Amino acid sequence: ALMDNGEEKLFEHVGMEPTGDNFASMVKLELTSPGKPFNPMINAGAIAVSSLIAGQSPQEKVKRLLDFVRLIAGDDTLTIDQNVYESEARTADRNRSLAYFLKHNKVISGDVEQHLQVYFKQCSILVTCQHIARMAMVLANNGIEAESGKPLIPRRYVQIAKVFMVTCGMYNASGEFAIKVGIPAKSGVAGGIMAVVPGKMGIGTFGPALSDKGNSIAGFHLLEHLSQAWELSIY
């Protein structure tokens, strides 16, 4: 979305601050002006950012997104889990509420269901720990593919992504994670965590049991252990 729109346009639709609320909360969309999501890492922010991916149709947007993930994951066979996508679409009452609220606030425009189709399919890309680590490695290397030296993501946009990972990537446990682990990371409610050690490595973890804040319990503790053992904290 950054590469398609640039910083100025993108941040008209999403903010740069942590929320302190649950990742699916809509409270601040109503209580603050201009009513845009506080950051791209919460559900409302991810929906808003998904709506900004260039393409004439949901299918074209999803293809571009999947091709990009395949590129940074180093695997052109990555695909979308159709069962997960259908489950997401079938049970997404809260995300639909968020999306329609965003349209009411003029954060997104156009067909809400088409934007949600892109978002749900983005949530359903099937990856392994190795893929997560490979993507994190690209971020750790400032957007450059280590094997070929080819730039895949502009350095400035990698900077932005890593800042969001530090401040918002572990939902409202991001402060605790920064103190205990101290590296940029992004969790997902499937149980994966992507962690970046700038200039050194990418780490992928998976553990399906989640904390009450939506983060992998095992992944959190493993990264805490690795950070202490290898002195990984950026602080």
C-alpha atoms as a PDB file:
ATOM      1  CA  ALA A   1       0.000   0.000   0.000  1.00  0.00           C
ATOM      2  CA  LEU A   2       2.917   2.351   0.731  1.00  0.00           C
ATOM      3  CA  MET A   3       4.572   1.491  -2.569  1.00  0.00           C
ATOM      4  CA  ASP A   4       1.280   2.085  -4.421  1.00  0.00           C
ATOM      5  CA  ASN A   5       0.350   5.347  -2.686  1.00  0.00           C
ATOM      6  CA  GLY A   6       3.304   6.888  -0.865  1.00  0.00           C
ATOM      7  CA  GLU A   7       3.390   8.029   2.748  1.00  0.00           C
ATOM      8  CA  GLU A   8       1.302  11.187   2.507  1.00  0.00           C
ATOM      9  CA  LYS A   9      -1.739   9.579   0.940  1.00  0.00           C
ATOM     10  CA  LEU A  10      -1.571   6.419   3.039  1.00  0.00           C
ATOM     11  CA  PHE A  11      -1.448   8.298   6.337  1.00  0.00           C
ATOM     12  CA  GLU A  12      -4.550  10.234   5.385  1.00  0.00           C
ATOM     13  CA  HIS A  13      -6.362   6.917   5.945  1.00  0.00           C
ATOM     14  CA  VAL A  14      -4.535   5.437   8.940  1.00  0.00           C
ATOM     15  CA  GLY A  15      -2.642   6.831  11.930  1.00  0.00           C
ATOM     16  CA  MET A  16       0.765   6.216  13.477  1.00  0.00           C
ATOM     17  CA  GLU A  17      -0.066   5.607  17.144  1.00  0.00           C
ATOM     18  CA  PRO A  18      -0.735   2.592  19.393  1.00  0.00           C
ATOM     19  CA  THR A  19      -4.287   2.290  20.690  1.00  0.00           C
ATOM     20  CA  GLY A  20      -4.071   0.537  24.054  1.00  0.00           C
ATOM     21  CA  ASP A  21      -7.255  -1.273  23.012  1.00  0.00           C
ATOM     22  CA  ASN A  22      -8.103  -4.753  21.752  1.00  0.00           C
ATOM     23  CA  PHE A  23      -7.046  -5.356  18.140  1.00  0.00           C
ATOM     24  CA  ALA A  24     -10.714  -5.624  17.037  1.00  0.00           C
ATOM     25  CA  SER A  25     -11.929  -2.606  19.003  1.00  0.00           C
ATOM     26  CA  MET A  26     -13.868   0.172  17.291  1.00  0.00           C
ATOM     27  CA  VAL A  27     -14.047   2.470  20.335  1.00  0.00           C
ATOM     28  CA  LYS A  28     -11.545   5.073  19.137  1.00  0.00           C
ATOM     29  CA  LEU A  29     -13.090   5.231  15.658  1.00  0.00           C
ATOM     30  CA  GLU A  30     -16.095   6.873  17.302  1.00  0.00           C
ATOM     31  CA  LEU A  31     -14.416   8.797  20.127  1.00  0.00           C
ATOM     32  CA  THR A  32     -11.646  10.520  18.146  1.00  0.00           C
ATOM     33  CA  SER A  33     -11.583  12.817  15.160  1.00  0.00           C
ATOM     34  CA  PRO A  34     -11.139  12.267  12.208  1.00  0.00           C
ATOM     35  CA  GLY A  35     -12.225   8.718  13.063  1.00  0.00           C
ATOM     36  CA  LYS A  36      -9.493   6.853  11.211  1.00  0.00           C
ATOM     37  CA  PRO A  37      -7.719   3.764  12.630  1.00  0.00           C
ATOM     38  CA  PHE A  38      -4.818   4.571  14.942  1.00  0.00           C
ATOM     39  CA  ASN A  39      -2.375   2.238  13.147  1.00  0.00           C
ATOM     40  CA  PRO A  40      -2.182  -0.435  10.402  1.00  0.00           C
ATOM     41  CA  MET A  41      -1.602  -3.325  12.821  1.00  0.00           C
ATOM     42  CA  ILE A  42      -5.127  -3.457  14.280  1.00  0.00           C
ATOM     43  CA  ASN A  43      -8.034  -4.899  12.290  1.00  0.00           C
ATOM     44  CA  ALA A  44      -9.556  -1.550  11.318  1.00  0.00           C
ATOM     45  CA  GLY A  45      -6.161  -0.287  10.170  1.00  0.00           C
ATOM     46  CA  ALA A  46      -5.443  -3.428   8.184  1.00  0.00           C
ATOM     47  CA  ILE A  47      -8.818  -3.135   6.430  1.00  0.00           C
ATOM     48  CA  ALA A  48      -8.124   0.509   5.600  1.00  0.00           C
ATOM     49  CA  VAL A  49      -4.652  -0.304   4.245  1.00  0.00           C
ATOM     50  CA  SER A  50      -5.980  -3.258   2.228  1.00  0.00           C
ATOM     51  CA  SER A  51      -8.432  -0.899   0.523  1.00  0.00           C
ATOM     52  CA  LEU A  52      -5.476   1.154  -0.766  1.00  0.00           C
ATOM     53  CA  ILE A  53      -3.776  -1.687  -2.653  1.00  0.00           C
ATOM     54  CA  ALA A  54      -3.865  -0.840  -6.352  1.00  0.00           C
ATOM     55  CA  GLY A  55      -5.978  -2.919  -8.727  1.00  0.00           C
ATOM     56  CA  GLN A  56      -9.150  -2.779 -10.789  1.00  0.00           C
ATOM     57  CA  SER A  57     -10.801  -5.676  -8.952  1.00  0.00           C
ATOM     58  CA  PRO A  58     -10.427  -7.678  -5.735  1.00  0.00           C
ATOM     59  CA  GLN A  59      -8.932 -10.490  -7.793  1.00  0.00           C
ATOM     60  CA  GLU A  60      -6.230  -8.223  -9.238  1.00  0.00           C
ATOM     61  CA  LYS A  61      -5.435  -6.761  -5.819  1.00  0.00           C
ATOM     62  CA  VAL A  62      -5.169 -10.203  -4.240  1.00  0.00           C
ATOM     63  CA  LYS A  63      -2.939 -11.425  -7.077  1.00  0.00           C
ATOM     64  CA  ARG A  64      -0.587  -8.466  -6.628  1.00  0.00           C
ATOM     65  CA  LEU A  65      -0.531  -8.966  -2.872  1.00  0.00           C
ATOM     66  CA  LEU A  66       0.092 -12.713  -3.141  1.00  0.00           C
ATOM     67  CA  ASP A  67       2.850 -12.167  -5.711  1.00  0.00           C
ATOM     68  CA  PHE A  68       4.514  -9.712  -3.323  1.00  0.00           C
ATOM     69  CA  VAL A  69       4.326 -12.126  -0.381  1.00  0.00           C
ATOM     70  CA  ARG A  70       5.718 -14.902  -2.586  1.00  0.00           C
ATOM     71  CA  LEU A  71       8.597 -12.611  -3.546  1.00  0.00           C
ATOM     72  CA  ILE A  72       9.646 -11.685  -0.007  1.00  0.00           C
ATOM     73  CA  ALA A  73       8.969 -15.199   1.317  1.00  0.00           C
ATOM     74  CA  GLY A  74      11.127 -16.686  -1.448  1.00  0.00           C
ATOM     75  CA  ASP A  75       8.471 -19.206  -2.531  1.00  0.00           C
ATOM     76  CA  ASP A  76       6.377 -18.771  -5.665  1.00  0.00           C
ATOM     77  CA  THR A  77       4.092 -21.671  -4.675  1.00  0.00           C
ATOM     78  CA  LEU A  78       2.465 -19.887  -1.718  1.00  0.00           C
ATOM     79  CA  THR A  79      -1.297 -19.948  -1.913  1.00  0.00           C
ATOM     80  CA  ILE A  80      -4.471 -18.948  -0.104  1.00  0.00           C
ATOM     81  CA  ASP A  81      -6.187 -21.465   2.156  1.00  0.00           C
ATOM     82  CA  GLN A  82      -9.721 -21.487   0.756  1.00  0.00           C
ATOM     83  CA  ASN A  83     -11.235 -23.044   3.880  1.00  0.00           C
ATOM     84  CA  VAL A  84      -9.733 -20.350   6.094  1.00  0.00           C
ATOM     85  CA  TYR A  85     -10.906 -17.639   3.695  1.00  0.00           C
ATOM     86  CA  GLU A  86     -14.463 -18.970   3.643  1.00  0.00           C
ATOM     87  CA  SER A  87     -14.458 -19.241   7.441  1.00  0.00           C
ATOM     88  CA  GLU A  88     -13.178 -15.660   7.748  1.00  0.00           C
ATOM     89  CA  ALA A  89     -15.831 -14.357   5.366  1.00  0.00           C
ATOM     90  CA  ARG A  90     -18.618 -16.341   7.031  1.00  0.00           C
ATOM     91  CA  THR A  91     -17.894 -15.288  10.627  1.00  0.00           C
ATOM     92  CA  ALA A  92     -16.662 -11.715  10.145  1.00  0.00           C
ATOM     93  CA  ASP A  93     -19.532  -9.731  11.629  1.00  0.00           C
ATOM     94  CA  ARG A  94     -17.223  -7.538  13.701  1.00  0.00           C
ATOM     95  CA  ASN A  95     -14.812  -6.867  10.836  1.00  0.00           C
ATOM     96  CA  ARG A  96     -17.765  -5.974   8.614  1.00  0.00           C
ATOM     97  CA  SER A  97     -18.933  -3.566  11.283  1.00  0.00           C
ATOM     98  CA  LEU A  98     -15.477  -1.997  11.374  1.00  0.00           C
ATOM     99  CA  ALA A  99     -15.361  -1.699   7.583  1.00  0.00           C
ATOM    100  CA  TYR A 100     -18.774  -0.075   7.270  1.00  0.00           C
ATOM    101  CA  PHE A 101     -17.908   2.297  10.108  1.00  0.00           C
ATOM    102  CA  LEU A 102     -14.726   3.217   8.215  1.00  0.00           C
ATOM    103  CA  LYS A 103     -16.783   3.937   5.110  1.00  0.00           C
ATOM    104  CA  HIS A 104     -19.167   6.075   7.167  1.00  0.00           C
ATOM    105  CA  ASN A 105     -16.116   8.023   8.409  1.00  0.00           C
ATOM    106  CA  LYS A 106     -14.899   8.379   4.796  1.00  0.00           C
ATOM    107  CA  VAL A 107     -11.696   6.494   5.589  1.00  0.00           C
ATOM    108  CA  ILE A 108     -12.471   3.976   2.846  1.00  0.00           C
ATOM    109  CA  SER A 109     -14.636   4.379  -0.243  1.00  0.00           C
ATOM    110  CA  GLY A 110     -16.160   2.086  -2.820  1.00  0.00           C
ATOM    111  CA  ASP A 111     -17.554  -1.404  -2.304  1.00  0.00           C
ATOM    112  CA  VAL A 112     -16.981  -2.494   1.292  1.00  0.00           C
ATOM    113  CA  GLU A 113     -17.484  -6.194   0.528  1.00  0.00           C
ATOM    114  CA  GLN A 114     -14.815  -6.049  -2.174  1.00  0.00           C
ATOM    115  CA  HIS A 115     -12.344  -4.479   0.248  1.00  0.00           C
ATOM    116  CA  LEU A 116     -13.185  -7.148   2.813  1.00  0.00           C
ATOM    117  CA  GLN A 117     -12.612  -9.882   0.239  1.00  0.00           C
ATOM    118  CA  VAL A 118      -9.038  -8.594  -0.209  1.00  0.00           C
ATOM    119  CA  TYR A 119      -8.555  -8.382   3.558  1.00  0.00           C
ATOM    120  CA  PHE A 120      -9.922 -11.874   4.266  1.00  0.00           C
ATOM    121  CA  LYS A 121      -7.776 -13.425   1.551  1.00  0.00           C
ATOM    122  CA  GLN A 122      -4.741 -11.570   2.893  1.00  0.00           C
ATOM    123  CA  CYS A 123      -5.520 -13.150   6.283  1.00  0.00           C
ATOM    124  CA  SER A 124      -5.670 -16.602   4.654  1.00  0.00           C
ATOM    125  CA  ILE A 125      -2.262 -16.823   2.960  1.00  0.00           C
ATOM    126  CA  LEU A 126      -0.753 -20.143   4.006  1.00  0.00           C
ATOM    127  CA  VAL A 127       2.861 -19.919   5.226  1.00  0.00           C
ATOM    128  CA  THR A 128       5.354 -21.824   7.375  1.00  0.00           C
ATOM    129  CA  CYS A 129       7.754 -20.615  10.072  1.00  0.00           C
ATOM    130  CA  GLN A 130      10.490 -20.630   7.460  1.00  0.00           C
ATOM    131  CA  HIS A 131       8.475 -18.277   5.240  1.00  0.00           C
ATOM    132  CA  ILE A 132       7.867 -15.955   8.188  1.00  0.00           C
ATOM    133  CA  ALA A 133      11.576 -15.926   9.034  1.00  0.00           C
ATOM    134  CA  ARG A 134      12.523 -15.286   5.397  1.00  0.00           C
ATOM    135  CA  MET A 135      10.153 -12.307   5.190  1.00  0.00           C
ATOM    136  CA  ALA A 136      11.521 -10.996   8.479  1.00  0.00           C
ATOM    137  CA  MET A 137      15.056 -11.393   7.115  1.00  0.00           C
ATOM    138  CA  VAL A 138      14.192  -9.076   4.218  1.00  0.00           C
ATOM    139  CA  LEU A 139      13.013  -6.458   6.726  1.00  0.00           C
ATOM    140  CA  ALA A 140      16.121  -7.018   8.870  1.00  0.00           C
ATOM    141  CA  ASN A 141      18.203  -6.372   5.751  1.00  0.00           C
ATOM    142  CA  ASN A 142      16.426  -3.064   4.997  1.00  0.00           C
ATOM    143  CA  GLY A 143      14.320  -4.512   2.196  1.00  0.00           C
ATOM    144  CA  ILE A 144      17.174  -6.179   0.315  1.00  0.00           C
ATOM    145  CA  GLU A 145      17.142  -9.867  -0.592  1.00  0.00           C
ATOM    146  CA  ALA A 146      20.246 -11.291   1.093  1.00  0.00           C
ATOM    147  CA  GLU A 147      20.974 -13.954  -1.527  1.00  0.00           C
ATOM    148  CA  SER A 148      20.870 -11.719  -4.610  1.00  0.00           C
ATOM    149  CA  GLY A 149      21.378  -8.242  -3.182  1.00  0.00           C
ATOM    150  CA  LYS A 150      18.202  -7.175  -5.013  1.00  0.00           C
ATOM    151  CA  PRO A 151      16.096  -4.456  -3.353  1.00  0.00           C
ATOM    152  CA  LEU A 152      12.525  -5.736  -2.822  1.00  0.00           C
ATOM    153  CA  ILE A 153      11.082  -2.988  -0.612  1.00  0.00           C
ATOM    154  CA  PRO A 154      12.201   0.661  -0.394  1.00  0.00           C
ATOM    155  CA  ARG A 155      14.328   1.245   2.700  1.00  0.00           C
ATOM    156  CA  ARG A 156      12.096   4.067   3.961  1.00  0.00           C
ATOM    157  CA  TYR A 157       9.012   1.834   3.907  1.00  0.00           C
ATOM    158  CA  VAL A 158      10.901  -0.901   5.747  1.00  0.00           C
ATOM    159  CA  GLN A 159      11.740   1.684   8.416  1.00  0.00           C
ATOM    160  CA  ILE A 160       8.064   2.548   8.767  1.00  0.00           C
ATOM    161  CA  ALA A 161       7.072  -1.120   9.016  1.00  0.00           C
ATOM    162  CA  LYS A 162       9.659  -1.827  11.721  1.00  0.00           C
ATOM    163  CA  VAL A 163       8.564   1.181  13.788  1.00  0.00           C
ATOM    164  CA  PHE A 164       4.962  -0.017  13.651  1.00  0.00           C
ATOM    165  CA  MET A 165       6.109  -3.498  14.658  1.00  0.00           C
ATOM    166  CA  VAL A 166       7.844  -2.077  17.734  1.00  0.00           C
ATOM    167  CA  THR A 167       5.014   0.212  18.819  1.00  0.00           C
ATOM    168  CA  CYS A 168       1.935  -1.755  17.727  1.00  0.00           C
ATOM    169  CA  GLY A 169       2.932  -5.173  16.368  1.00  0.00           C
ATOM    170  CA  MET A 170       2.098  -7.152  19.497  1.00  0.00           C
ATOM    171  CA  TYR A 171      -1.250  -5.379  19.951  1.00  0.00           C
ATOM    172  CA  ASN A 172      -1.649  -3.925  23.428  1.00  0.00           C
ATOM    173  CA  ALA A 173       1.195  -6.073  24.770  1.00  0.00           C
ATOM    174  CA  SER A 174       3.675  -4.163  22.575  1.00  0.00           C
ATOM    175  CA  GLY A 175       5.168  -2.252  25.502  1.00  0.00           C
ATOM    176  CA  GLU A 176       5.677  -5.423  27.531  1.00  0.00           C
ATOM    177  CA  PHE A 177       7.252  -7.116  24.506  1.00  0.00           C
ATOM    178  CA  ALA A 178       9.584  -4.153  23.938  1.00  0.00           C
ATOM    179  CA  ILE A 179      10.810  -4.394  27.537  1.00  0.00           C
ATOM    180  CA  LYS A 180      11.137  -8.186  27.687  1.00  0.00           C
ATOM    181  CA  VAL A 181      12.298  -8.896  24.108  1.00  0.00           C
ATOM    182  CA  GLY A 182      13.175  -5.553  22.549  1.00  0.00           C
ATOM    183  CA  ILE A 183      12.950  -6.247  18.812  1.00  0.00           C
ATOM    184  CA  PRO A 184      10.365  -5.370  16.136  1.00  0.00           C
ATOM    185  CA  ALA A 185       7.725  -8.105  15.856  1.00  0.00           C
ATOM    186  CA  LYS A 186       4.260  -8.724  14.468  1.00  0.00           C
ATOM    187  CA  SER A 187       1.937 -11.370  15.822  1.00  0.00           C
ATOM    188  CA  GLY A 188      -1.106 -12.910  14.200  1.00  0.00           C
ATOM    189  CA  VAL A 189      -4.084 -14.618  15.778  1.00  0.00           C
ATOM    190  CA  ALA A 190      -3.232 -17.815  13.894  1.00  0.00           C
ATOM    191  CA  GLY A 191      -0.343 -18.143  16.372  1.00  0.00           C
ATOM    192  CA  GLY A 192       2.571 -16.931  14.288  1.00  0.00           C
ATOM    193  CA  ILE A 193       5.045 -14.193  15.197  1.00  0.00           C
ATOM    194  CA  MET A 194       7.407 -12.498  12.756  1.00  0.00           C
ATOM    195  CA  ALA A 195      10.402 -10.982  14.563  1.00  0.00           C
ATOM    196  CA  VAL A 196      13.141  -8.796  13.104  1.00  0.00           C
ATOM    197  CA  VAL A 197      16.640  -8.302  14.488  1.00  0.00           C
ATOM    198  CA  PRO A 198      17.831  -5.321  12.422  1.00  0.00           C
ATOM    199  CA  GLY A 199      20.993  -6.056  10.470  1.00  0.00           C
ATOM    200  CA  LYS A 200      21.229  -9.606  11.816  1.00  0.00           C
ATOM    201  CA  MET A 201      18.322 -11.993  11.248  1.00  0.00           C
ATOM    202  CA  GLY A 202      14.644 -12.717  10.870  1.00  0.00           C
ATOM    203  CA  ILE A 203      12.870 -15.140  13.196  1.00  0.00           C
ATOM    204  CA  GLY A 204       9.578 -16.963  12.687  1.00  0.00           C
ATOM    205  CA  THR A 205       7.698 -18.711  15.500  1.00  0.00           C
ATOM    206  CA  PHE A 206       4.426 -20.587  15.679  1.00  0.00           C
ATOM    207  CA  GLY A 207       2.368 -21.655  18.677  1.00  0.00           C
ATOM    208  CA  PRO A 208      -1.442 -21.719  18.415  1.00  0.00           C
ATOM    209  CA  ALA A 209      -2.295 -21.043  22.088  1.00  0.00           C
ATOM    210  CA  LEU A 210      -2.955 -17.301  22.465  1.00  0.00           C
ATOM    211  CA  SER A 211      -2.821 -14.912  25.396  1.00  0.00           C
ATOM    212  CA  ASP A 212      -5.813 -12.731  26.230  1.00  0.00           C
ATOM    213  CA  LYS A 213      -4.164 -10.025  24.099  1.00  0.00           C
ATOM    214  CA  GLY A 214      -4.047 -12.210  20.988  1.00  0.00           C
ATOM    215  CA  ASN A 215      -0.356 -13.152  20.961  1.00  0.00           C
ATOM    216  CA  SER A 216       1.187 -16.622  20.809  1.00  0.00           C
ATOM    217  CA  ILE A 217       2.105 -17.570  24.381  1.00  0.00           C
ATOM    218  CA  ALA A 218       4.875 -19.976  23.368  1.00  0.00           C
ATOM    219  CA  GLY A 219       6.202 -17.642  20.689  1.00  0.00           C
ATOM    220  CA  PHE A 220       6.394 -14.732  23.120  1.00  0.00           C
ATOM    221  CA  HIS A 221       8.338 -16.796  25.661  1.00  0.00           C
ATOM    222  CA  LEU A 222      10.640 -18.307  23.033  1.00  0.00           C
ATOM    223  CA  LEU A 223      11.526 -14.867  21.680  1.00  0.00           C
ATOM    224  CA  GLU A 224      12.106 -13.599  25.213  1.00  0.00           C
ATOM    225  CA  HIS A 225      14.496 -16.509  25.821  1.00  0.00           C
ATOM    226  CA  LEU A 226      16.338 -15.989  22.519  1.00  0.00           C
ATOM    227  CA  SER A 227      16.638 -12.260  23.122  1.00  0.00           C
ATOM    228  CA  GLN A 228      18.215 -12.805  26.524  1.00  0.00           C
ATOM    229  CA  ALA A 229      20.485 -15.656  25.391  1.00  0.00           C
ATOM    230  CA  TRP A 230      21.714 -13.864  22.254  1.00  0.00           C
ATOM    231  CA  GLU A 231      21.435 -10.250  23.511  1.00  0.00           C
ATOM    232  CA  LEU A 232      19.139  -9.261  20.643  1.00  0.00           C
ATOM    233  CA  SER A 233      17.359  -6.242  22.128  1.00  0.00           C
ATOM    234  CA  ILE A 234      17.753  -3.102  20.037  1.00  0.00           C
ATOM    235  CA  TYR A 235      17.638  -1.071  23.238  1.00  0.00           C
END
